[in-house]
Protein backbone atom coordinates (compact mmCIF):
# COMPACT_ATOMS: atom_id res chain seq x y z
CA MET A 1 -2.90 3.57 13.39
CA GLY A 2 -3.62 1.39 10.39
CA VAL A 3 -1.30 -1.09 8.73
CA ASP A 4 -1.17 1.13 5.63
CA ARG A 5 0.18 4.07 7.58
CA ALA A 6 2.57 1.85 9.53
CA GLU A 7 4.01 0.56 6.25
CA PHE A 8 4.39 4.06 4.86
CA GLY A 9 5.94 5.28 8.11
CA ILE A 10 8.49 2.48 8.10
CA VAL A 11 9.36 3.29 4.49
CA GLN A 12 9.93 6.89 5.55
CA LEU A 13 12.10 5.80 8.48
CA LEU A 14 14.17 3.61 6.18
CA ASP A 15 14.54 6.43 3.67
CA HIS A 16 15.94 8.74 6.34
CA SER A 17 18.10 6.32 8.31
CA LEU A 18 21.54 5.07 7.58
CA ARG A 19 21.61 1.68 5.90
CA GLY A 20 24.34 0.70 8.34
CA HIS A 21 22.20 1.39 11.41
CA GLU A 22 21.67 -1.66 13.59
CA ALA A 23 17.85 -1.38 13.38
CA PHE A 24 17.80 -1.10 9.58
CA PRO A 25 17.55 -4.86 8.79
CA GLN A 26 14.85 -5.35 11.43
CA LEU A 27 12.78 -2.47 10.03
CA VAL A 28 13.11 -3.90 6.51
CA ARG A 29 11.95 -7.30 7.77
CA ILE A 30 8.95 -5.75 9.57
CA LEU A 31 8.03 -3.81 6.43
CA GLN A 32 8.26 -6.97 4.33
CA GLU A 33 6.06 -8.91 6.76
CA LEU A 34 3.44 -6.15 6.89
CA CYS A 35 3.36 -5.92 3.10
CA GLU A 36 3.05 -9.69 2.75
CA ALA A 37 0.09 -9.72 5.13
CA ALA A 38 -1.56 -6.73 3.46
CA ALA A 39 -1.16 -8.16 -0.04
CA THR A 40 -3.07 -11.29 1.01
CA ALA A 41 -6.00 -9.10 2.06
CA GLN A 42 -6.16 -7.13 -1.20
CA ALA A 43 -9.62 -7.30 -2.77
CA PRO A 44 -10.03 -8.90 -6.21
CA ASP A 45 -10.46 -5.45 -7.81
CA GLY A 46 -7.15 -4.25 -6.31
CA GLY A 47 -8.57 -2.12 -3.53
CA PHE A 48 -8.31 -2.54 0.22
CA HIS A 49 -11.28 -2.70 2.57
CA SER A 50 -11.56 -0.15 5.35
CA ILE A 51 -11.19 -3.08 7.76
CA LEU A 52 -8.43 -4.98 6.06
CA ASP A 53 -9.68 -8.50 6.67
CA ASP A 54 -13.42 -7.79 6.49
CA ALA A 55 -14.78 -7.91 2.94
CA ARG A 56 -18.14 -6.62 4.23
CA THR A 57 -16.58 -3.18 4.71
CA PRO A 58 -16.26 -0.79 1.77
CA ILE A 59 -13.15 -0.41 -0.33
CA CYS A 60 -11.28 2.58 1.04
CA ILE A 61 -9.58 4.82 -1.52
CA HIS A 62 -7.41 6.36 1.18
CA ASP A 63 -6.08 3.02 2.44
CA THR A 64 -5.62 1.70 -1.10
CA SER A 65 -3.49 4.71 -2.00
CA TRP A 66 -1.30 4.29 1.11
CA PHE A 67 -0.70 0.62 0.36
CA GLY A 68 0.09 1.28 -3.29
CA ALA A 69 2.52 4.06 -2.39
CA SER A 70 4.22 1.90 0.24
CA PHE A 71 4.60 -1.02 -2.15
CA LEU A 72 5.99 1.12 -4.97
CA ARG A 73 8.38 3.13 -2.84
CA GLY A 74 9.56 0.01 -1.04
CA ILE A 75 10.35 -1.62 -4.40
CA ARG A 76 12.05 1.50 -5.76
CA MET A 77 14.24 1.89 -2.68
CA GLY A 78 15.14 -1.79 -2.58
CA TYR A 79 13.32 -2.64 0.67
CA LEU A 80 10.74 -4.85 -1.04
CA ASP A 81 10.93 -7.58 -3.60
CA PRO A 82 9.66 -6.63 -7.08
CA LYS A 83 6.86 -9.18 -6.59
CA PHE A 84 4.96 -6.31 -4.96
CA LEU A 85 4.75 -4.54 -8.31
CA ASP A 86 1.59 -6.45 -9.27
CA PRO A 87 -0.28 -5.58 -6.02
CA SER A 88 0.80 -1.94 -6.41
CA LEU A 89 -0.49 -1.82 -10.00
CA GLN A 90 -3.74 -3.39 -8.82
CA CYS A 91 -4.00 -0.52 -6.32
CA TRP A 92 -3.51 1.95 -9.16
CA HIS A 93 -6.27 0.39 -11.27
CA ALA A 94 -8.66 0.31 -8.29
CA LEU A 95 -7.96 3.96 -7.53
CA LYS A 96 -8.13 5.06 -11.15
CA SER A 97 -11.55 3.51 -11.72
CA ARG A 98 -12.98 4.94 -8.50
CA ILE A 99 -11.57 8.42 -9.05
CA ILE A 100 -12.86 8.56 -12.63
CA SER A 101 -16.31 7.31 -11.54
CA TRP A 102 -16.47 9.88 -8.77
CA TRP A 103 -15.31 12.71 -11.06
CA GLU A 104 -17.86 11.85 -13.72
CA SER A 105 -20.65 11.67 -11.15
CA GLN A 106 -19.73 15.13 -9.81
CA TYR A 107 -18.91 16.80 -13.12
CA PRO A 108 -20.93 15.22 -15.92
CA ALA A 109 -19.80 16.05 -19.42
């Protein structure tokens, strides 16, 4: 399982658990640490490589979307600091440009 899916899974667990549960603070801390580590590996264009710490691998749209969703949901639910808004917006811009390029290559005007 990749870090992106682990982050998203933890967000889902937090969403569906009671804030008073004894494991809640530990899960929040783990999520924050994973997001911190992931954000340091974000490519300059906002995407994420298929092997997170290997810039020789291609940017993966799938992984970029998982990270962006995890960052945004974590912020919205209060699990993550708003400082993750910039990395999440960078994900959006990386996805947007790739999706538009792909669409235009498949369906020229």
